[in-house]
PDB file of N, CA and C in Angstrom:
ATOM      1  N   UNK A   1      96.236  70.655 146.842  1.00  0.00           N
ATOM      2  CA  UNK A   1      95.431  71.413 145.928  1.00  0.00           C
ATOM      3  C   UNK A   1      96.001  69.692 144.945  1.00  0.00           C
ATOM      4  N   UNK A   2      95.346  69.298 143.954  1.00  0.00           N
ATOM      5  CA  UNK A   2      95.142  68.473 142.808  1.00  0.00           C
ATOM      6  C   UNK A   2      96.539  68.886 141.184  1.00  0.00           C
ATOM      7  N   UNK A   3      97.322  68.401 141.258  1.00  0.00           N
ATOM      8  CA  UNK A   3      98.034  69.181 140.164  1.00  0.00           C
ATOM      9  C   UNK A   3      97.165  68.809 138.912  1.00  0.00           C
ATOM     10  N   UNK A   4      97.184  68.802 137.539  1.00  0.00           N
ATOM     11  CA  UNK A   4      96.926  69.109 136.173  1.00  0.00           C
ATOM     12  C   UNK A   4      98.467  69.066 135.825  1.00  0.00           C
ATOM     13  N   UNK A   5      98.556  68.048 134.511  1.00  0.00           N
ATOM     14  CA  UNK A   5      99.498  68.773 133.629  1.00  0.00           C
ATOM     15  C   UNK A   5      98.691  69.037 132.025  1.00  0.00           C
ATOM     16  N   UNK A   6     100.273  70.251 131.396  1.00  0.00           N
ATOM     17  CA  UNK A   6     100.043  70.981 130.390  1.00  0.00           C
ATOM     18  C   UNK A   6     101.219  70.718 129.393  1.00  0.00           C
ATOM     19  N   UNK A   7     100.175  70.508 128.248  1.00  0.00           N
ATOM     20  CA  UNK A   7     101.134  69.895 127.049  1.00  0.00           C
ATOM     21  C   UNK A   7     101.155  71.585 126.086  1.00  0.00           C
ATOM     22  N   UNK A   8     102.002  71.696 126.387  1.00  0.00           N
ATOM     23  CA  UNK A   8     102.793  72.569 125.538  1.00  0.00           C
ATOM     24  C   UNK A   8     103.630  72.146 123.474  1.00  0.00           C
ATOM     25  N   UNK A   9     103.008  72.536 122.596  1.00  0.00           N
ATOM     26  CA  UNK A   9     104.442  72.437 121.604  1.00  0.00           C
ATOM     27  C   UNK A   9     104.565  73.355 121.071  1.00  0.00           C
ATOM     28  N   UNK A  10     105.748  73.841 121.041  1.00  0.00           N
ATOM     29  CA  UNK A  10     106.384  74.858 120.471  1.00  0.00           C
ATOM     30  C   UNK A  10     108.203  74.727 119.681  1.00  0.00           C
ATOM     31  N   UNK A  11     108.118  75.869 118.812  1.00  0.00           N
ATOM     32  CA  UNK A  11     109.271  75.176 118.083  1.00  0.00           C
ATOM     33  C   UNK A  11     110.713  74.689 119.234  1.00  0.00           C
ATOM     34  N   UNK A  12     111.293  73.554 118.675  1.00  0.00           N
ATOM     35  CA  UNK A  12     112.754  72.956 118.914  1.00  0.00           C
ATOM     36  C   UNK A  12     113.568  74.603 119.838  1.00  0.00           C
ATOM     37  N   UNK A  13     113.303  75.354 118.760  1.00  0.00           N
ATOM     38  CA  UNK A  13     114.941  76.435 119.562  1.00  0.00           C
ATOM     39  C   UNK A  13     114.375  77.575 120.249  1.00  0.00           C
ATOM     40  N   UNK A  14     113.233  77.568 119.851  1.00  0.00           N
ATOM     41  CA  UNK A  14     112.426  78.613 121.045  1.00  0.00           C
ATOM     42  C   UNK A  14     112.358  77.690 122.450  1.00  0.00           C
ATOM     43  N   UNK A  15     112.404  76.657 122.256  1.00  0.00           N
ATOM     44  CA  UNK A  15     112.148  76.068 123.875  1.00  0.00           C
ATOM     45  C   UNK A  15     113.681  75.707 124.544  1.00  0.00           C
ATOM     46  N   UNK A  16     114.552  75.976 123.672  1.00  0.00           N
ATOM     47  CA  UNK A  16     115.983  75.947 124.111  1.00  0.00           C
ATOM     48  C   UNK A  16     116.151  77.917 124.627  1.00  0.00           C
ATOM     49  N   UNK A  17     116.188  78.815 124.102  1.00  0.00           N
ATOM     50  CA  UNK A  17     116.058  80.251 124.196  1.00  0.00           C
ATOM     51  C   UNK A  17     115.388  79.996 125.435  1.00  0.00           C
ATOM     52  N   UNK A  18     113.779  79.589 125.589  1.00  0.00           N
ATOM     53  CA  UNK A  18     113.132  79.857 126.938  1.00  0.00           C
ATOM     54  C   UNK A  18     113.873  79.786 128.200  1.00  0.00           C
ATOM     55  N   UNK A  19     113.748  77.820 127.850  1.00  0.00           N
ATOM     56  CA  UNK A  19     114.318  77.341 129.293  1.00  0.00           C
ATOM     57  C   UNK A  19     115.370  77.902 129.621  1.00  0.00           C
ATOM     58  N   UNK A  20     116.768  77.953 128.610  1.00  0.00           N
ATOM     59  CA  UNK A  20     117.561  79.832 128.939  1.00  0.00           C
ATOM     60  C   UNK A  20     117.594  80.406 130.326  1.00  0.00           C
ATOM     61  N   UNK A  21     116.800  81.056 129.446  1.00  0.00           N
ATOM     62  CA  UNK A  21     116.057  82.175 130.090  1.00  0.00           C
ATOM     63  C   UNK A  21     116.129  82.321 130.987  1.00  0.00           C
ATOM     64  N   UNK A  22     114.636  80.810 131.103  1.00  0.00           N
ATOM     65  CA  UNK A  22     113.839  80.841 132.992  1.00  0.00           C
ATOM     66  C   UNK A  22     115.199  80.377 134.016  1.00  0.00           C
ATOM     67  N   UNK A  23     116.325  80.094 132.231  1.00  0.00           N
ATOM     68  CA  UNK A  23     117.272  79.279 134.222  1.00  0.00           C
ATOM     69  C   UNK A  23     117.952  80.918 134.175  1.00  0.00           C
ATOM     70  N   UNK A  24     117.990  81.365 134.165  1.00  0.00           N
ATOM     71  CA  UNK A  24     118.662  82.675 134.207  1.00  0.00           C
ATOM     72  C   UNK A  24     117.583  83.397 135.270  1.00  0.00           C
ATOM     73  N   UNK A  25     116.816  83.599 135.066  1.00  0.00           N
ATOM     74  CA  UNK A  25     116.069  84.081 136.378  1.00  0.00           C
ATOM     75  C   UNK A  25     115.669  82.956 137.214  1.00  0.00           C
ATOM     76  N   UNK A  26     116.829  81.763 137.279  1.00  0.00           N
ATOM     77  CA  UNK A  26     116.324  80.876 138.443  1.00  0.00           C
ATOM     78  C   UNK A  26     115.230  80.054 138.491  1.00  0.00           C
ATOM     79  N   UNK A  27     114.161  79.896 137.915  1.00  0.00           N
ATOM     80  CA  UNK A  27     112.797  78.738 137.358  1.00  0.00           C
ATOM     81  C   UNK A  27     112.954  77.735 136.007  1.00  0.00           C
ATOM     82  N   UNK A  28     112.296  77.164 136.784  1.00  0.00           N
ATOM     83  CA  UNK A  28     112.151  76.115 135.167  1.00  0.00           C
ATOM     84  C   UNK A  28     111.062  76.478 134.566  1.00  0.00           C
ATOM     85  N   UNK A  29     110.797  76.226 132.907  1.00  0.00           N
ATOM     86  CA  UNK A  29     110.004  75.892 132.393  1.00  0.00           C
ATOM     87  C   UNK A  29     107.667  75.866 132.881  1.00  0.00           C
ATOM     88  N   UNK A  30     108.153  75.063 134.065  1.00  0.00           N
ATOM     89  CA  UNK A  30     106.689  74.776 134.446  1.00  0.00           C
ATOM     90  C   UNK A  30     106.738  76.569 135.408  1.00  0.00           C
ATOM     91  N   UNK A  31     107.217  76.963 136.202  1.00  0.00           N
ATOM     92  CA  UNK A  31     106.778  77.738 136.991  1.00  0.00           C
ATOM     93  C   UNK A  31     106.854  79.163 136.047  1.00  0.00           C
ATOM     94  N   UNK A  32     107.759  79.034 135.641  1.00  0.00           N
ATOM     95  CA  UNK A  32     107.287  80.038 134.478  1.00  0.00           C
ATOM     96  C   UNK A  32     105.643  80.555 133.831  1.00  0.00           C
ATOM     97  N   UNK A  33     105.547  79.063 133.033  1.00  0.00           N
ATOM     98  CA  UNK A  33     103.990  79.126 132.899  1.00  0.00           C
ATOM     99  C   UNK A  33     102.928  79.552 133.985  1.00  0.00           C
ATOM    100  N   UNK A  34     103.516  78.914 135.291  1.00  0.00           N
ATOM    101  CA  UNK A  34     102.828  79.110 136.182  1.00  0.00           C
ATOM    102  C   UNK A  34     102.657  80.161 136.652  1.00  0.00           C
ATOM    103  N   UNK A  35     103.774  81.244 136.767  1.00  0.00           N
ATOM    104  CA  UNK A  35     103.679  82.383 137.170  1.00  0.00           C
ATOM    105  C   UNK A  35     102.600  83.121 136.027  1.00  0.00           C
ATOM    106  N   UNK A  36     102.398  83.330 134.819  1.00  0.00           N
ATOM    107  CA  UNK A  36     101.673  83.232 133.771  1.00  0.00           C
ATOM    108  C   UNK A  36     100.174  83.002 133.820  1.00  0.00           C
ATOM    109  N   UNK A  37     100.031  82.186 134.247  1.00  0.00           N
ATOM    110  CA  UNK A  37      98.812  81.818 134.617  1.00  0.00           C
ATOM    111  C   UNK A  37      98.236  82.254 135.294  1.00  0.00           C
ATOM    112  N   UNK A  38      98.570  82.361 136.690  1.00  0.00           N
ATOM    113  CA  UNK A  38      97.935  82.848 137.843  1.00  0.00           C
ATOM    114  C   UNK A  38      98.646  85.014 137.314  1.00  0.00           C
ATOM    115  N   UNK A  39      98.549  85.312 136.767  1.00  0.00           N
ATOM    116  CA  UNK A  39      98.594  86.367 136.247  1.00  0.00           C
ATOM    117  C   UNK A  39      97.312  86.588 135.584  1.00  0.00           C
ATOM    118  N   UNK A  40      97.459  85.617 134.337  1.00  0.00           N
ATOM    119  CA  UNK A  40      96.299  85.847 133.679  1.00  0.00           C
ATOM    120  C   UNK A  40      94.845  85.968 134.439  1.00  0.00           C
ATOM    121  N   UNK A  41      95.237  84.672 135.816  1.00  0.00           N
ATOM    122  CA  UNK A  41      93.574  85.128 136.141  1.00  0.00           C
ATOM    123  C   UNK A  41      93.407  85.790 137.071  1.00  0.00           C
ATOM    124  N   UNK A  42      94.044  86.171 137.853  1.00  0.00           N
ATOM    125  CA  UNK A  42      94.192  87.204 138.826  1.00  0.00           C
ATOM    126  C   UNK A  42      93.877  88.655 138.313  1.00  0.00           C
ATOM    127  N   UNK A  43      94.614  89.204 136.805  1.00  0.00           N
ATOM    128  CA  UNK A  43      94.351  90.473 136.086  1.00  0.00           C
ATOM    129  C   UNK A  43      93.087  89.917 135.071  1.00  0.00           C
ATOM    130  N   UNK A  44      92.719  89.067 134.784  1.00  0.00           N
ATOM    131  CA  UNK A  44      91.659  88.639 134.309  1.00  0.00           C
ATOM    132  C   UNK A  44      92.020  89.163 132.303  1.00  0.00           C
ATOM    133  N   UNK A  45      93.184  88.987 132.146  1.00  0.00           N
ATOM    134  CA  UNK A  45      93.387  89.347 131.100  1.00  0.00           C
ATOM    135  C   UNK A  45      95.243  88.757 130.911  1.00  0.00           C
ATOM    136  N   UNK A  46      95.343  89.078 129.490  1.00  0.00           N
ATOM    137  CA  UNK A  46      96.912  88.907 129.298  1.00  0.00           C
ATOM    138  C   UNK A  46      97.326  89.951 129.957  1.00  0.00           C
ATOM    139  N   UNK A  47      98.515  89.645 130.305  1.00  0.00           N
ATOM    140  CA  UNK A  47      99.606  90.988 130.989  1.00  0.00           C
ATOM    141  C   UNK A  47     100.210  91.374 130.143  1.00  0.00           C
ATOM    142  N   UNK A  48     100.667  91.398 129.211  1.00  0.00           N
ATOM    143  CA  UNK A  48     101.094  91.861 128.350  1.00  0.00           C
ATOM    144  C   UNK A  48     100.774  92.225 127.022  1.00  0.00           C
ATOM    145  N   UNK A  49     101.025  93.333 126.456  1.00  0.00           N
ATOM    146  CA  UNK A  49     100.622  93.898 124.810  1.00  0.00           C
ATOM    147  C   UNK A  49     101.134  92.983 124.227  1.00  0.00           C
ATOM    148  N   UNK A  50      99.610  92.321 122.833  1.00  0.00           N
ATOM    149  CA  UNK A  50     100.237  91.510 122.081  1.00  0.00           C
ATOM    150  C   UNK A  50      99.680  92.348 120.196  1.00  0.00           C
ATOM    151  N   UNK A  51     100.937  92.825 120.221  1.00  0.00           N
ATOM    152  CA  UNK A  51     100.649  93.214 118.393  1.00  0.00           C
ATOM    153  C   UNK A  51     101.645  92.407 117.559  1.00  0.00           C
ATOM    154  N   UNK A  52     100.661  93.094 116.152  1.00  0.00           N
ATOM    155  CA  UNK A  52     102.032  92.525 114.756  1.00  0.00           C
ATOM    156  C   UNK A  52     103.517  92.937 115.388  1.00  0.00           C
ATOM    157  N   UNK A  53     104.328  92.889 114.642  1.00  0.00           N
ATOM    158  CA  UNK A  53     105.321  93.037 114.348  1.00  0.00           C
ATOM    159  C   UNK A  53     105.333  93.762 113.651  1.00  0.00           C
ATOM    160  N   UNK A  54     106.878  94.963 113.484  1.00  0.00           N
ATOM    161  CA  UNK A  54     107.093  96.054 112.294  1.00  0.00           C
ATOM    162  C   UNK A  54     106.869  95.301 110.942  1.00  0.00           C
ATOM    163  N   UNK A  55     107.110  94.349 110.990  1.00  0.00           N
ATOM    164  CA  UNK A  55     107.573  93.820 109.373  1.00  0.00           C
ATOM    165  C   UNK A  55     105.813  93.630 109.206  1.00  0.00           C
ATOM    166  N   UNK A  56     105.164  92.427 109.702  1.00  0.00           N
ATOM    167  CA  UNK A  56     103.745  92.346 109.339  1.00  0.00           C
ATOM    168  C   UNK A  56     103.046  93.623 108.916  1.00  0.00           C
ATOM    169  N   UNK A  57     103.212  94.793 110.168  1.00  0.00           N
ATOM    170  CA  UNK A  57     102.408  96.164 109.881  1.00  0.00           C
ATOM    171  C   UNK A  57     102.972  96.172 108.196  1.00  0.00           C
ATOM    172  N   UNK A  58     104.173  96.464 107.680  1.00  0.00           N
ATOM    173  CA  UNK A  58     104.789  96.928 106.890  1.00  0.00           C
ATOM    174  C   UNK A  58     104.109  95.814 105.399  1.00  0.00           C
ATOM    175  N   UNK A  59     104.233  95.030 105.433  1.00  0.00           N
ATOM    176  CA  UNK A  59     103.788  94.209 104.726  1.00  0.00           C
ATOM    177  C   UNK A  59     102.448  94.307 104.483  1.00  0.00           C
ATOM    178  N   UNK A  60     101.457  94.615 105.853  1.00  0.00           N
ATOM    179  CA  UNK A  60     100.217  94.359 105.316  1.00  0.00           C
ATOM    180  C   UNK A  60     100.057  96.425 104.989  1.00  0.00           C
ATOM    181  N   UNK A  61     100.722  96.840 104.662  1.00  0.00           N
ATOM    182  CA  UNK A  61     100.635  98.330 104.125  1.00  0.00           C
ATOM    183  C   UNK A  61     100.601  98.535 102.795  1.00  0.00           C
ATOM    184  N   UNK A  62     102.194  97.474 102.548  1.00  0.00           N
ATOM    185  CA  UNK A  62     102.349  97.833 101.298  1.00  0.00           C
ATOM    186  C   UNK A  62     100.971  96.461 100.639  1.00  0.00           C
ATOM    187  N   UNK A  63     100.901  95.275 101.353  1.00  0.00           N
ATOM    188  CA  UNK A  63      99.289  94.829 100.867  1.00  0.00           C
ATOM    189  C   UNK A  63      98.475  96.034 100.049  1.00  0.00           C
ATOM    190  N   UNK A  64      98.082  96.621 101.071  1.00  0.00           N
ATOM    191  CA  UNK A  64      97.283  98.235 100.991  1.00  0.00           C
ATOM    192  C   UNK A  64      97.855  98.877  99.972  1.00  0.00           C
ATOM    193  N   UNK A  65      98.573  99.563 100.044  1.00  0.00           N
ATOM    194  CA  UNK A  65      99.219 100.429  98.100  1.00  0.00           C
ATOM    195  C   UNK A  65      98.732  99.811  97.213  1.00  0.00           C
ATOM    196  N   UNK A  66      99.284  98.285  96.785  1.00  0.00           N
ATOM    197  CA  UNK A  66      99.429  97.488  95.584  1.00  0.00           C
ATOM    198  C   UNK A  66      97.532  97.593  95.745  1.00  0.00           C
ATOM    199  N   UNK A  67      96.501  96.948  96.592  1.00  0.00           N
ATOM    200  CA  UNK A  67      95.772  96.942  95.801  1.00  0.00           C
ATOM    201  C   UNK A  67      95.253  98.755  95.463  1.00  0.00           C
ATOM    202  N   UNK A  68      95.025  99.709  95.790  1.00  0.00           N
ATOM    203  CA  UNK A  68      95.148 101.507  95.894  1.00  0.00           C
ATOM    204  C   UNK A  68      95.436 101.141  94.528  1.00  0.00           C
ATOM    205  N   UNK A  69      96.838 100.683  94.256  1.00  0.00           N
ATOM    206  CA  UNK A  69      97.153 100.801  92.971  1.00  0.00           C
ATOM    207  C   UNK A  69      96.651 100.407  91.591  1.00  0.00           C
ATOM    208  N   UNK A  70      95.734  98.862  92.124  1.00  0.00           N
ATOM    209  CA  UNK A  70      95.131  98.311  91.002  1.00  0.00           C
ATOM    210  C   UNK A  70      93.758  98.875  91.124  1.00  0.00           C
ATOM    211  N   UNK A  71      93.403  99.536  91.766  1.00  0.00           N
ATOM    212  CA  UNK A  71      91.690  99.836  91.799  1.00  0.00           C
ATOM    213  C   UNK A  71      92.077 101.427  91.269  1.00  0.00           C
ATOM    214  N   UNK A  72      93.190 101.838  91.221  1.00  0.00           N
ATOM    215  CA  UNK A  72      93.568 103.939  90.162  1.00  0.00           C
ATOM    216  C   UNK A  72      94.098 103.061  89.087  1.00  0.00           C
ATOM    217  N   UNK A  73      94.355 102.179  89.477  1.00  0.00           N
ATOM    218  CA  UNK A  73      94.631 101.683  86.976  1.00  0.00           C
ATOM    219  C   UNK A  73      93.516 101.191  86.395  1.00  0.00           C
ATOM    220  N   UNK A  74      92.619 100.478  87.294  1.00  0.00           N
ATOM    221  CA  UNK A  74      90.591 100.344  86.683  1.00  0.00           C
ATOM    222  C   UNK A  74      90.270 101.474  86.339  1.00  0.00           C
ATOM    223  N   UNK A  75      90.668 102.155  87.379  1.00  0.00           N
ATOM    224  CA  UNK A  75      89.342 103.642  87.278  1.00  0.00           C
ATOM    225  C   UNK A  75      90.297 104.673  86.414  1.00  0.00           C
ATOM    226  N   UNK A  76      91.253 104.389  85.635  1.00  0.00           N
ATOM    227  CA  UNK A  76      92.365 104.851  85.031  1.00  0.00           C
ATOM    228  C   UNK A  76      92.759 106.262  84.922  1.00  0.00           C
ATOM    229  N   UNK A  77      93.017 106.329  86.941  1.00  0.00           N
ATOM    230  CA  UNK A  77      93.610 107.339  87.196  1.00  0.00           C
ATOM    231  C   UNK A  77      95.178 107.128  87.700  1.00  0.00           C
ATOM    232  N   UNK A  78      95.905 106.455  86.837  1.00  0.00           N
ATOM    233  CA  UNK A  78      97.017 105.840  88.123  1.00  0.00           C
ATOM    234  C   UNK A  78      98.324 106.860  87.854  1.00  0.00           C
ATOM    235  N   UNK A  79      98.081 107.727  86.780  1.00  0.00           N
ATOM    236  CA  UNK A  79      98.890 108.853  86.422  1.00  0.00           C
ATOM    237  C   UNK A  79      98.191 109.906  87.335  1.00  0.00           C
ATOM    238  N   UNK A  80      97.770 110.599  87.852  1.00  0.00           N
ATOM    239  CA  UNK A  80      96.740 111.369  88.616  1.00  0.00           C
ATOM    240  C   UNK A  80      97.538 112.105  89.215  1.00  0.00           C
ATOM    241  N   UNK A  81      98.277 114.017  88.899  1.00  0.00           N
ATOM    242  CA  UNK A  81      98.884 114.703  89.191  1.00  0.00           C
ATOM    243  C   UNK A  81      99.189 114.829  91.236  1.00  0.00           C
ATOM    244  N   UNK A  82     100.134 114.660  91.953  1.00  0.00           N
ATOM    245  CA  UNK A  82      99.953 114.349  93.341  1.00  0.00           C
ATOM    246  C   UNK A  82      99.308 115.822  93.984  1.00  0.00           C
ATOM    247  N   UNK A  83      98.687 117.046  92.826  1.00  0.00           N
ATOM    248  CA  UNK A  83      98.278 117.985  93.361  1.00  0.00           C
ATOM    249  C   UNK A  83      96.879 117.914  93.517  1.00  0.00           C
ATOM    250  N   UNK A  84      96.450 116.830  92.631  1.00  0.00           N
ATOM    251  CA  UNK A  84      95.289 117.107  92.217  1.00  0.00           C
ATOM    252  C   UNK A  84      94.330 116.030  93.227  1.00  0.00           C
ATOM    253  N   UNK A  85      95.402 114.446  93.788  1.00  0.00           N
ATOM    254  CA  UNK A  85      95.204 113.318  94.978  1.00  0.00           C
ATOM    255  C   UNK A  85      94.791 114.383  96.018  1.00  0.00           C
ATOM    256  N   UNK A  86      96.065 115.512  96.323  1.00  0.00           N
ATOM    257  CA  UNK A  86      96.114 116.327  97.487  1.00  0.00           C
ATOM    258  C   UNK A  86      95.034 117.072  97.779  1.00  0.00           C
ATOM    259  N   UNK A  87      94.406 117.385  96.721  1.00  0.00           N
ATOM    260  CA  UNK A  87      93.002 117.888  96.620  1.00  0.00           C
ATOM    261  C   UNK A  87      91.541 117.528  96.751  1.00  0.00           C
ATOM    262  N   UNK A  88      91.738 115.658  96.504  1.00  0.00           N
ATOM    263  CA  UNK A  88      90.806 114.850  96.356  1.00  0.00           C
ATOM    264  C   UNK A  88      90.813 114.834  97.638  1.00  0.00           C
ATOM    265  N   UNK A  89      91.823 114.770  98.544  1.00  0.00           N
ATOM    266  CA  UNK A  89      91.615 114.022 100.146  1.00  0.00           C
ATOM    267  C   UNK A  89      91.126 115.084 100.769  1.00  0.00           C
ATOM    268  N   UNK A  90      91.500 116.412 100.925  1.00  0.00           N
ATOM    269  CA  UNK A  90      90.968 117.497 101.492  1.00  0.00           C
ATOM    270  C   UNK A  90      89.601 118.166 101.100  1.00  0.00           C
ATOM    271  N   UNK A  91      89.151 117.430  99.836  1.00  0.00           N
ATOM    272  CA  UNK A  91      87.402 117.542  99.906  1.00  0.00           C
ATOM    273  C   UNK A  91      87.399 116.319 100.755  1.00  0.00           C
ATOM    274  N   UNK A  92      87.290 115.528 100.733  1.00  0.00           N
ATOM    275  CA  UNK A  92      86.819 114.192 101.379  1.00  0.00           C
ATOM    276  C   UNK A  92      87.142 114.595 102.424  1.00  0.00           C
ATOM    277  N   UNK A  93      87.773 114.919 103.588  1.00  0.00           N
ATOM    278  CA  UNK A  93      87.968 115.370 104.923  1.00  0.00           C
ATOM    279  C   UNK A  93      87.384 116.516 105.441  1.00  0.00           C
ATOM    280  N   UNK A  94      87.018 117.409 104.161  1.00  0.00           N
ATOM    281  CA  UNK A  94      86.372 118.464 105.300  1.00  0.00           C
ATOM    282  C   UNK A  94      84.278 118.614 104.595  1.00  0.00           C
ATOM    283  N   UNK A  95      83.824 117.081 103.739  1.00  0.00           N
ATOM    284  CA  UNK A  95      82.900 116.783 102.484  1.00  0.00           C
ATOM    285  C   UNK A  95      82.304 117.741 101.864  1.00  0.00           C
ATOM    286  N   UNK A  96      83.310 118.293 101.275  1.00  0.00           N
ATOM    287  CA  UNK A  96      83.277 118.635 100.205  1.00  0.00           C
ATOM    288  C   UNK A  96      82.948 117.577  98.486  1.00  0.00           C
ATOM    289  N   UNK A  97      82.044 118.142  97.829  1.00  0.00           N
ATOM    290  CA  UNK A  97      81.563 118.020  96.919  1.00  0.00           C
ATOM    291  C   UNK A  97      82.834 117.467  95.763  1.00  0.00           C
ATOM    292  N   UNK A  98      82.922 116.481  94.947  1.00  0.00           N
ATOM    293  CA  UNK A  98      84.071 116.602  94.007  1.00  0.00           C
ATOM    294  C   UNK A  98      83.197 117.219  92.468  1.00  0.00           C
ATOM    295  N   UNK A  99      83.355 117.739  92.034  1.00  0.00           N
ATOM    296  CA  UNK A  99      83.804 118.529  91.171  1.00  0.00           C
ATOM    297  C   UNK A  99      83.200 117.297  90.244  1.00  0.00           C
TER     298      UNK A  99
END
């Protein structure tokens, strides 16, 4: 079987950590990448879940909240009492018309 070279650029510190962990497993980085590539081809998918870190999720949530605050201010409802907010949410959930 013919061999091909695959070059990957990554953070130097990450590479050191990866190499050390591979050594703990009794293999080198090339073997680890070959295992990964075979699993991807065999399963026809990435063999693990890829998701945003909790920090990214929190940051996105804060951005969404700040956008809602700005919109509330633009519409003059930034001081709406919690009871009114909850009532509006309830109406939206059940498809009721607002007053």
